[in-house]
PDB file of N, CA and C in Angstrom:
ATOM      1  N   MET A   1     142.705  74.489  97.377  1.00  0.00           N
ATOM      2  CA  MET A   1     141.691  75.382  97.930  1.00  0.00           C
ATOM      3  C   MET A   1     140.319  75.385  96.849  1.00  0.00           C
ATOM      4  N   MET A   2     139.258  74.922  97.678  1.00  0.00           N
ATOM      5  CA  MET A   2     138.205  74.698  96.938  1.00  0.00           C
ATOM      6  C   MET A   2     137.371  75.879  96.963  1.00  0.00           C
ATOM      7  N   LYS A   3     136.843  76.273  95.729  1.00  0.00           N
ATOM      8  CA  LYS A   3     135.919  77.611  95.368  1.00  0.00           C
ATOM      9  C   LYS A   3     134.532  76.814  95.635  1.00  0.00           C
ATOM     10  N   LYS A   4     133.751  78.010  96.089  1.00  0.00           N
ATOM     11  CA  LYS A   4     132.310  77.767  96.333  1.00  0.00           C
ATOM     12  C   LYS A   4     131.549  77.884  94.990  1.00  0.00           C
ATOM     13  N   LYS A   5     130.560  77.061  94.879  1.00  0.00           N
ATOM     14  CA  LYS A   5     129.880  77.066  93.707  1.00  0.00           C
ATOM     15  C   LYS A   5     128.820  78.390  93.843  1.00  0.00           C
ATOM     16  N   PRO A   6     128.522  78.987  92.876  1.00  0.00           N
ATOM     17  CA  PRO A   6     127.584  80.272  92.894  1.00  0.00           C
ATOM     18  C   PRO A   6     126.147  79.836  92.884  1.00  0.00           C
ATOM     19  N   GLN A   7     125.497  80.257  93.824  1.00  0.00           N
ATOM     20  CA  GLN A   7     124.190  79.612  93.965  1.00  0.00           C
ATOM     21  C   GLN A   7     123.240  80.457  92.904  1.00  0.00           C
ATOM     22  N   SER A   8     122.341  79.636  92.447  1.00  0.00           N
ATOM     23  CA  SER A   8     121.324  80.091  91.519  1.00  0.00           C
ATOM     24  C   SER A   8     120.404  81.116  92.137  1.00  0.00           C
ATOM     25  N   PRO A   9     119.778  82.006  91.397  1.00  0.00           N
ATOM     26  CA  PRO A   9     118.888  82.993  92.049  1.00  0.00           C
ATOM     27  C   PRO A   9     117.402  82.360  92.524  1.00  0.00           C
ATOM     28  N   LYS A  10     117.083  81.063  91.925  1.00  0.00           N
ATOM     29  CA  LYS A  10     115.892  80.334  92.405  1.00  0.00           C
ATOM     30  C   LYS A  10     116.235  79.769  93.941  1.00  0.00           C
ATOM     31  N   SER A  11     117.453  79.642  94.359  1.00  0.00           N
ATOM     32  CA  SER A  11     117.554  78.989  95.633  1.00  0.00           C
ATOM     33  C   SER A  11     117.707  79.959  96.867  1.00  0.00           C
ATOM     34  N   ASP A  12     116.407  80.909  97.021  1.00  0.00           N
ATOM     35  CA  ASP A  12     116.329  81.765  98.007  1.00  0.00           C
ATOM     36  C   ASP A  12     115.660  81.145  99.237  1.00  0.00           C
ATOM     37  N   SER A  13     114.998  80.109  98.777  1.00  0.00           N
ATOM     38  CA  SER A  13     114.123  79.252  99.971  1.00  0.00           C
ATOM     39  C   SER A  13     114.790  77.946 100.139  1.00  0.00           C
ATOM     40  N   ALA A  14     114.789  77.497 101.392  1.00  0.00           N
ATOM     41  CA  ALA A  14     115.548  76.012 101.762  1.00  0.00           C
ATOM     42  C   ALA A  14     114.294  75.024 101.273  1.00  0.00           C
ATOM     43  N   PHE A  15     113.140  75.501 101.073  1.00  0.00           N
ATOM     44  CA  PHE A  15     112.104  74.548 100.892  1.00  0.00           C
ATOM     45  C   PHE A  15     111.656  74.382  99.355  1.00  0.00           C
ATOM     46  N   THR A  16     111.036  73.305  98.760  1.00  0.00           N
ATOM     47  CA  THR A  16     110.648  73.264  97.499  1.00  0.00           C
ATOM     48  C   THR A  16     109.009  73.538  97.786  1.00  0.00           C
ATOM     49  N   GLU A  17     108.292  73.825  96.611  1.00  0.00           N
ATOM     50  CA  GLU A  17     107.000  74.108  96.807  1.00  0.00           C
ATOM     51  C   GLU A  17     106.241  73.195  97.380  1.00  0.00           C
ATOM     52  N   GLY A  18     106.448  71.759  97.197  1.00  0.00           N
ATOM     53  CA  GLY A  18     105.614  70.616  97.753  1.00  0.00           C
ATOM     54  C   GLY A  18     106.109  70.618  99.240  1.00  0.00           C
ATOM     55  N   GLN A  19     106.970  70.780  99.685  1.00  0.00           N
ATOM     56  CA  GLN A  19     107.468  70.901 101.042  1.00  0.00           C
ATOM     57  C   GLN A  19     106.792  72.008 101.790  1.00  0.00           C
ATOM     58  N   ARG A  20     106.767  73.003 101.076  1.00  0.00           N
ATOM     59  CA  ARG A  20     105.939  74.233 101.812  1.00  0.00           C
ATOM     60  C   ARG A  20     104.533  73.757 101.969  1.00  0.00           C
ATOM     61  N   GLU A  21     103.736  73.304 101.024  1.00  0.00           N
ATOM     62  CA  GLU A  21     102.493  72.984 100.892  1.00  0.00           C
ATOM     63  C   GLU A  21     102.296  71.824 101.935  1.00  0.00           C
ATOM     64  N   ALA A  22     103.248  70.885 102.175  1.00  0.00           N
ATOM     65  CA  ALA A  22     103.176  69.852 103.250  1.00  0.00           C
ATOM     66  C   ALA A  22     103.188  70.424 104.728  1.00  0.00           C
ATOM     67  N   ILE A  23     104.153  71.408 104.841  1.00  0.00           N
ATOM     68  CA  ILE A  23     104.093  72.131 106.279  1.00  0.00           C
ATOM     69  C   ILE A  23     103.196  72.821 106.473  1.00  0.00           C
ATOM     70  N   ARG A  24     102.548  73.547 105.411  1.00  0.00           N
ATOM     71  CA  ARG A  24     101.242  74.391 105.514  1.00  0.00           C
ATOM     72  C   ARG A  24     100.012  73.525 105.852  1.00  0.00           C
ATOM     73  N   ASP A  25      99.910  72.382 105.582  1.00  0.00           N
ATOM     74  CA  ASP A  25      98.893  71.324 105.793  1.00  0.00           C
ATOM     75  C   ASP A  25      98.909  70.678 107.083  1.00  0.00           C
ATOM     76  N   LEU A  26     100.262  70.557 107.621  1.00  0.00           N
ATOM     77  CA  LEU A  26     100.606  70.029 109.054  1.00  0.00           C
ATOM     78  C   LEU A  26     100.186  71.090 110.084  1.00  0.00           C
ATOM     79  N   LEU A  27     100.383  72.282 109.620  1.00  0.00           N
ATOM     80  CA  LEU A  27     100.184  73.358 110.752  1.00  0.00           C
ATOM     81  C   LEU A  27      98.678  73.740 110.542  1.00  0.00           C
ATOM     82  N   GLU A  28      97.939  73.473 109.567  1.00  0.00           N
ATOM     83  CA  GLU A  28      96.452  73.653 109.693  1.00  0.00           C
ATOM     84  C   GLU A  28      95.796  72.637 110.290  1.00  0.00           C
ATOM     85  N   ASP A  29      96.435  71.718 110.304  1.00  0.00           N
ATOM     86  CA  ASP A  29      95.759  70.198 110.982  1.00  0.00           C
ATOM     87  C   ASP A  29      95.984  70.685 112.641  1.00  0.00           C
ATOM     88  N   ILE A  30      97.142  71.111 112.596  1.00  0.00           N
ATOM     89  CA  ILE A  30      97.590  71.231 114.353  1.00  0.00           C
ATOM     90  C   ILE A  30      96.746  72.474 114.837  1.00  0.00           C
ATOM     91  N   TYR A  31      96.812  73.685 114.264  1.00  0.00           N
ATOM     92  CA  TYR A  31      96.161  74.994 114.822  1.00  0.00           C
ATOM     93  C   TYR A  31      94.833  75.305 114.441  1.00  0.00           C
ATOM     94  N   VAL A  32      94.230  74.522 113.249  1.00  0.00           N
ATOM     95  CA  VAL A  32      92.828  74.856 113.111  1.00  0.00           C
ATOM     96  C   VAL A  32      91.885  73.962 113.556  1.00  0.00           C
ATOM     97  N   HIS A  33      92.464  72.755 113.505  1.00  0.00           N
ATOM     98  CA  HIS A  33      91.408  71.480 114.039  1.00  0.00           C
ATOM     99  C   HIS A  33      91.480  71.338 115.639  1.00  0.00           C
ATOM    100  N   ASN A  34      92.595  71.914 116.206  1.00  0.00           N
ATOM    101  CA  ASN A  34      92.615  71.628 117.677  1.00  0.00           C
ATOM    102  C   ASN A  34      92.730  72.949 118.331  1.00  0.00           C
ATOM    103  N   LYS A  35      91.860  73.677 118.179  1.00  0.00           N
ATOM    104  CA  LYS A  35      91.834  75.051 118.873  1.00  0.00           C
ATOM    105  C   LYS A  35      91.744  74.961 120.426  1.00  0.00           C
ATOM    106  N   TRP A  36      90.866  73.894 120.686  1.00  0.00           N
ATOM    107  CA  TRP A  36      90.561  73.934 122.286  1.00  0.00           C
ATOM    108  C   TRP A  36      91.876  73.317 122.944  1.00  0.00           C
ATOM    109  N   HIS A  37      92.515  72.319 122.215  1.00  0.00           N
ATOM    110  CA  HIS A  37      93.694  71.758 122.932  1.00  0.00           C
ATOM    111  C   HIS A  37      94.756  72.783 123.139  1.00  0.00           C
ATOM    112  N   ILE A  38      94.619  73.762 121.989  1.00  0.00           N
ATOM    113  CA  ILE A  38      95.841  74.782 121.964  1.00  0.00           C
ATOM    114  C   ILE A  38      95.438  75.693 123.278  1.00  0.00           C
ATOM    115  N   ALA A  39      94.288  76.097 123.184  1.00  0.00           N
ATOM    116  CA  ALA A  39      93.729  77.144 124.070  1.00  0.00           C
ATOM    117  C   ALA A  39      94.132  76.582 125.580  1.00  0.00           C
ATOM    118  N   ARG A  40      93.635  75.295 125.741  1.00  0.00           N
ATOM    119  CA  ARG A  40      94.005  74.403 127.239  1.00  0.00           C
ATOM    120  C   ARG A  40      95.349  74.539 127.435  1.00  0.00           C
ATOM    121  N   THR A  41      96.365  74.060 126.247  1.00  0.00           N
ATOM    122  CA  THR A  41      97.630  74.152 126.956  1.00  0.00           C
ATOM    123  C   THR A  41      98.396  75.274 127.062  1.00  0.00           C
ATOM    124  N   ASN A  42      97.870  76.561 126.346  1.00  0.00           N
ATOM    125  CA  ASN A  42      98.271  77.946 126.539  1.00  0.00           C
ATOM    126  C   ASN A  42      97.994  78.213 128.106  1.00  0.00           C
ATOM    127  N   PHE A  43      96.799  77.924 128.434  1.00  0.00           N
ATOM    128  CA  PHE A  43      96.199  78.416 129.624  1.00  0.00           C
ATOM    129  C   PHE A  43      97.139  77.709 130.694  1.00  0.00           C
ATOM    130  N   LEU A  44      97.252  76.371 130.508  1.00  0.00           N
ATOM    131  CA  LEU A  44      97.935  75.907 131.733  1.00  0.00           C
ATOM    132  C   LEU A  44      99.500  76.095 131.706  1.00  0.00           C
ATOM    133  N   ARG A  45     100.223  76.408 130.659  1.00  0.00           N
ATOM    134  CA  ARG A  45     101.444  76.765 130.586  1.00  0.00           C
ATOM    135  C   ARG A  45     101.669  78.448 131.339  1.00  0.00           C
ATOM    136  N   GLY A  46     100.445  79.280 130.913  1.00  0.00           N
ATOM    137  CA  GLY A  46     100.650  80.397 131.850  1.00  0.00           C
ATOM    138  C   GLY A  46     100.329  80.266 133.130  1.00  0.00           C
ATOM    139  N   VAL A  47      99.578  79.394 133.588  1.00  0.00           N
ATOM    140  CA  VAL A  47      99.340  79.161 135.167  1.00  0.00           C
ATOM    141  C   VAL A  47     100.736  78.679 135.678  1.00  0.00           C
ATOM    142  N   PHE A  48     101.283  77.811 134.756  1.00  0.00           N
ATOM    143  CA  PHE A  48     102.601  77.273 135.499  1.00  0.00           C
ATOM    144  C   PHE A  48     103.735  78.240 135.641  1.00  0.00           C
ATOM    145  N   PHE A  49     103.746  79.122 134.487  1.00  0.00           N
ATOM    146  CA  PHE A  49     104.650  79.975 134.444  1.00  0.00           C
ATOM    147  C   PHE A  49     104.620  81.147 135.536  1.00  0.00           C
ATOM    148  N   GLY A  50     103.300  81.396 135.676  1.00  0.00           N
ATOM    149  CA  GLY A  50     102.978  82.307 136.972  1.00  0.00           C
ATOM    150  C   GLY A  50     103.333  81.980 138.143  1.00  0.00           C
ATOM    151  N   PHE A  51     103.028  80.348 138.474  1.00  0.00           N
ATOM    152  CA  PHE A  51     103.454  79.806 139.602  1.00  0.00           C
ATOM    153  C   PHE A  51     104.868  79.927 139.885  1.00  0.00           C
ATOM    154  N   GLY A  52     105.485  79.402 138.802  1.00  0.00           N
ATOM    155  CA  GLY A  52     107.148  79.169 138.929  1.00  0.00           C
ATOM    156  C   GLY A  52     107.619  80.631 139.135  1.00  0.00           C
ATOM    157  N   THR A  53     107.158  81.732 138.585  1.00  0.00           N
ATOM    158  CA  THR A  53     107.585  83.186 138.853  1.00  0.00           C
ATOM    159  C   THR A  53     107.553  83.399 140.295  1.00  0.00           C
ATOM    160  N   PHE A  54     106.384  83.120 140.706  1.00  0.00           N
ATOM    161  CA  PHE A  54     106.112  83.628 142.207  1.00  0.00           C
ATOM    162  C   PHE A  54     106.896  82.865 142.999  1.00  0.00           C
ATOM    163  N   LEU A  55     107.041  81.420 142.868  1.00  0.00           N
ATOM    164  CA  LEU A  55     107.940  80.542 143.790  1.00  0.00           C
ATOM    165  C   LEU A  55     109.199  80.972 143.841  1.00  0.00           C
ATOM    166  N   GLY A  56     109.741  81.353 142.576  1.00  0.00           N
ATOM    167  CA  GLY A  56     111.155  81.716 142.350  1.00  0.00           C
ATOM    168  C   GLY A  56     111.341  82.951 142.973  1.00  0.00           C
ATOM    169  N   GLY A  57     110.549  83.977 142.898  1.00  0.00           N
ATOM    170  CA  GLY A  57     110.899  85.154 143.404  1.00  0.00           C
ATOM    171  C   GLY A  57     110.809  85.321 144.950  1.00  0.00           C
ATOM    172  N   THR A  58     109.925  84.280 145.842  1.00  0.00           N
ATOM    173  CA  THR A  58     109.758  84.061 146.957  1.00  0.00           C
ATOM    174  C   THR A  58     110.957  83.603 147.471  1.00  0.00           C
ATOM    175  N   ILE A  59     111.257  82.318 146.884  1.00  0.00           N
ATOM    176  CA  ILE A  59     112.869  81.898 147.098  1.00  0.00           C
ATOM    177  C   ILE A  59     113.992  82.963 147.223  1.00  0.00           C
ATOM    178  N   VAL A  60     113.902  83.779 145.958  1.00  0.00           N
ATOM    179  CA  VAL A  60     115.141  84.478 146.135  1.00  0.00           C
ATOM    180  C   VAL A  60     115.088  85.658 147.190  1.00  0.00           C
ATOM    181  N   VAL A  61     113.979  86.260 147.240  1.00  0.00           N
ATOM    182  CA  VAL A  61     113.653  87.276 148.635  1.00  0.00           C
ATOM    183  C   VAL A  61     114.017  86.661 149.529  1.00  0.00           C
ATOM    184  N   ALA A  62     113.834  85.404 149.954  1.00  0.00           N
ATOM    185  CA  ALA A  62     113.957  84.695 151.321  1.00  0.00           C
ATOM    186  C   ALA A  62     115.440  84.411 151.473  1.00  0.00           C
ATOM    187  N   VAL A  63     116.177  84.090 150.548  1.00  0.00           N
ATOM    188  CA  VAL A  63     117.646  84.055 150.319  1.00  0.00           C
ATOM    189  C   VAL A  63     118.295  85.307 150.796  1.00  0.00           C
ATOM    190  N   VAL A  64     117.726  86.359 150.039  1.00  0.00           N
ATOM    191  CA  VAL A  64     118.605  87.574 150.390  1.00  0.00           C
ATOM    192  C   VAL A  64     118.222  88.170 151.600  1.00  0.00           C
ATOM    193  N   ILE A  65     117.083  88.030 152.373  1.00  0.00           N
ATOM    194  CA  ILE A  65     116.803  88.409 153.671  1.00  0.00           C
ATOM    195  C   ILE A  65     117.651  87.477 154.773  1.00  0.00           C
ATOM    196  N   TRP A  66     117.720  86.115 154.326  1.00  0.00           N
ATOM    197  CA  TRP A  66     118.819  85.474 155.350  1.00  0.00           C
ATOM    198  C   TRP A  66     119.981  85.809 155.107  1.00  0.00           C
ATOM    199  N   ILE A  67     120.538  86.290 154.219  1.00  0.00           N
ATOM    200  CA  ILE A  67     122.010  86.737 153.922  1.00  0.00           C
ATOM    201  C   ILE A  67     122.164  88.039 154.863  1.00  0.00           C
ATOM    202  N   LEU A  68     121.166  88.918 154.691  1.00  0.00           N
ATOM    203  CA  LEU A  68     120.954  89.853 155.231  1.00  0.00           C
ATOM    204  C   LEU A  68     121.043  89.730 156.913  1.00  0.00           C
ATOM    205  N   THR A  69     120.468  89.074 157.113  1.00  0.00           N
ATOM    206  CA  THR A  69     120.352  88.895 158.779  1.00  0.00           C
ATOM    207  C   THR A  69     121.611  88.044 159.212  1.00  0.00           C
ATOM    208  N   ARG A  70     122.143  87.408 158.413  1.00  0.00           N
ATOM    209  CA  ARG A  70     123.511  86.733 158.679  1.00  0.00           C
ATOM    210  C   ARG A  70     124.585  87.680 158.914  1.00  0.00           C
ATOM    211  N   THR A  71     124.648  88.682 158.137  1.00  0.00           N
ATOM    212  CA  THR A  71     125.847  89.823 157.675  1.00  0.00           C
ATOM    213  C   THR A  71     125.300  91.163 158.350  1.00  0.00           C
ATOM    214  N   ILE A  72     124.424  91.154 159.351  1.00  0.00           N
ATOM    215  CA  ILE A  72     124.054  92.515 159.620  1.00  0.00           C
ATOM    216  C   ILE A  72     124.987  93.169 160.375  1.00  0.00           C
ATOM    217  N   ASP A  73     126.037  92.543 161.075  1.00  0.00           N
ATOM    218  CA  ASP A  73     127.162  93.049 161.813  1.00  0.00           C
ATOM    219  C   ASP A  73     128.287  93.614 160.900  1.00  0.00           C
ATOM    220  N   LEU A  74     128.188  93.322 159.561  1.00  0.00           N
ATOM    221  CA  LEU A  74     129.431  93.352 158.904  1.00  0.00           C
ATOM    222  C   LEU A  74     129.186  94.773 157.978  1.00  0.00           C
ATOM    223  N   PHE A  75     127.927  95.276 157.901  1.00  0.00           N
ATOM    224  CA  PHE A  75     127.622  96.404 157.287  1.00  0.00           C
ATOM    225  C   PHE A  75     127.023  97.359 158.245  1.00  0.00           C
ATOM    226  N   PRO A  76     127.532  98.170 158.831  1.00  0.00           N
ATOM    227  CA  PRO A  76     126.842  99.119 160.266  1.00  0.00           C
ATOM    228  C   PRO A  76     126.312 100.287 159.793  1.00  0.00           C
ATOM    229  N   TRP A  77     126.521 100.652 158.316  1.00  0.00           N
ATOM    230  CA  TRP A  77     125.785 101.555 157.704  1.00  0.00           C
ATOM    231  C   TRP A  77     124.548 101.260 157.162  1.00  0.00           C
ATOM    232  N   ALA A  78     124.159  99.817 157.139  1.00  0.00           N
ATOM    233  CA  ALA A  78     122.890  99.247 156.835  1.00  0.00           C
ATOM    234  C   ALA A  78     122.157  98.565 157.703  1.00  0.00           C
ATOM    235  N   GLN A  79     122.612  98.850 159.041  1.00  0.00           N
ATOM    236  CA  GLN A  79     121.921  98.144 160.301  1.00  0.00           C
ATOM    237  C   GLN A  79     120.399  98.502 160.290  1.00  0.00           C
ATOM    238  N   ASN A  80     120.321  99.930 160.523  1.00  0.00           N
ATOM    239  CA  ASN A  80     118.972 100.375 160.664  1.00  0.00           C
ATOM    240  C   ASN A  80     118.045  99.757 159.665  1.00  0.00           C
ATOM    241  N   PHE A  81     118.202  99.619 158.243  1.00  0.00           N
ATOM    242  CA  PHE A  81     117.483  99.132 157.333  1.00  0.00           C
ATOM    243  C   PHE A  81     117.339  97.775 157.540  1.00  0.00           C
ATOM    244  N   THR A  82     118.390  97.003 157.609  1.00  0.00           N
ATOM    245  CA  THR A  82     118.127  95.587 157.735  1.00  0.00           C
ATOM    246  C   THR A  82     117.232  95.248 158.985  1.00  0.00           C
ATOM    247  N   GLN A  83     117.723  95.936 160.195  1.00  0.00           N
ATOM    248  CA  GLN A  83     116.735  95.608 161.261  1.00  0.00           C
ATOM    249  C   GLN A  83     115.268  96.008 161.230  1.00  0.00           C
ATOM    250  N   SER A  84     114.887  97.060 160.480  1.00  0.00           N
ATOM    251  CA  SER A  84     113.566  97.416 160.098  1.00  0.00           C
ATOM    252  C   SER A  84     113.105  96.444 159.244  1.00  0.00           C
ATOM    253  N   LEU A  85     113.787  95.957 158.238  1.00  0.00           N
ATOM    254  CA  LEU A  85     113.231  94.853 157.341  1.00  0.00           C
ATOM    255  C   LEU A  85     112.919  93.459 158.130  1.00  0.00           C
ATOM    256  N   ILE A  86     113.900  93.309 158.997  1.00  0.00           N
ATOM    257  CA  ILE A  86     113.427  92.015 159.817  1.00  0.00           C
ATOM    258  C   ILE A  86     112.376  92.248 160.758  1.00  0.00           C
ATOM    259  N   ASP A  87     112.301  93.301 161.407  1.00  0.00           N
ATOM    260  CA  ASP A  87     111.105  93.616 162.424  1.00  0.00           C
ATOM    261  C   ASP A  87     109.829  93.628 161.439  1.00  0.00           C
ATOM    262  N   SER A  88     109.738  94.203 160.327  1.00  0.00           N
ATOM    263  CA  SER A  88     108.442  94.166 159.701  1.00  0.00           C
ATOM    264  C   SER A  88     108.045  92.869 159.055  1.00  0.00           C
ATOM    265  N   LEU A  89     109.027  92.020 159.090  1.00  0.00           N
ATOM    266  CA  LEU A  89     108.653  90.496 158.496  1.00  0.00           C
ATOM    267  C   LEU A  89     108.099  89.727 159.968  1.00  0.00           C
ATOM    268  N   GLY A  90     107.985  90.373 161.074  1.00  0.00           N
ATOM    269  CA  GLY A  90     107.286  89.701 162.280  1.00  0.00           C
ATOM    270  C   GLY A  90     108.558  88.685 162.891  1.00  0.00           C
ATOM    271  N   ARG A  91     109.678  88.963 162.832  1.00  0.00           N
ATOM    272  CA  ARG A  91     110.598  88.050 163.493  1.00  0.00           C
ATOM    273  C   ARG A  91     110.639  88.284 165.034  1.00  0.00           C
TER     274      ARG A  91
END
């Protein structure tokens, strides 16, 4: 059975100071010098996220209503609700 080596108290970070400085410089190059690129990317991401949410919700509601129209005879206690829902959609 192998025993684990005790860790030294200095090893509480996975990166050395030089690596942290390199990461800091990289992030500064990305986020400080390209503010308009980041703003444009985040805006487009938000637009597509909103459109995807709207489209997905529309599809889910359409499928649920289609299932209700096919199963209207199986649930007599929900017939009035389902029929009023179908009528309100202009069928």
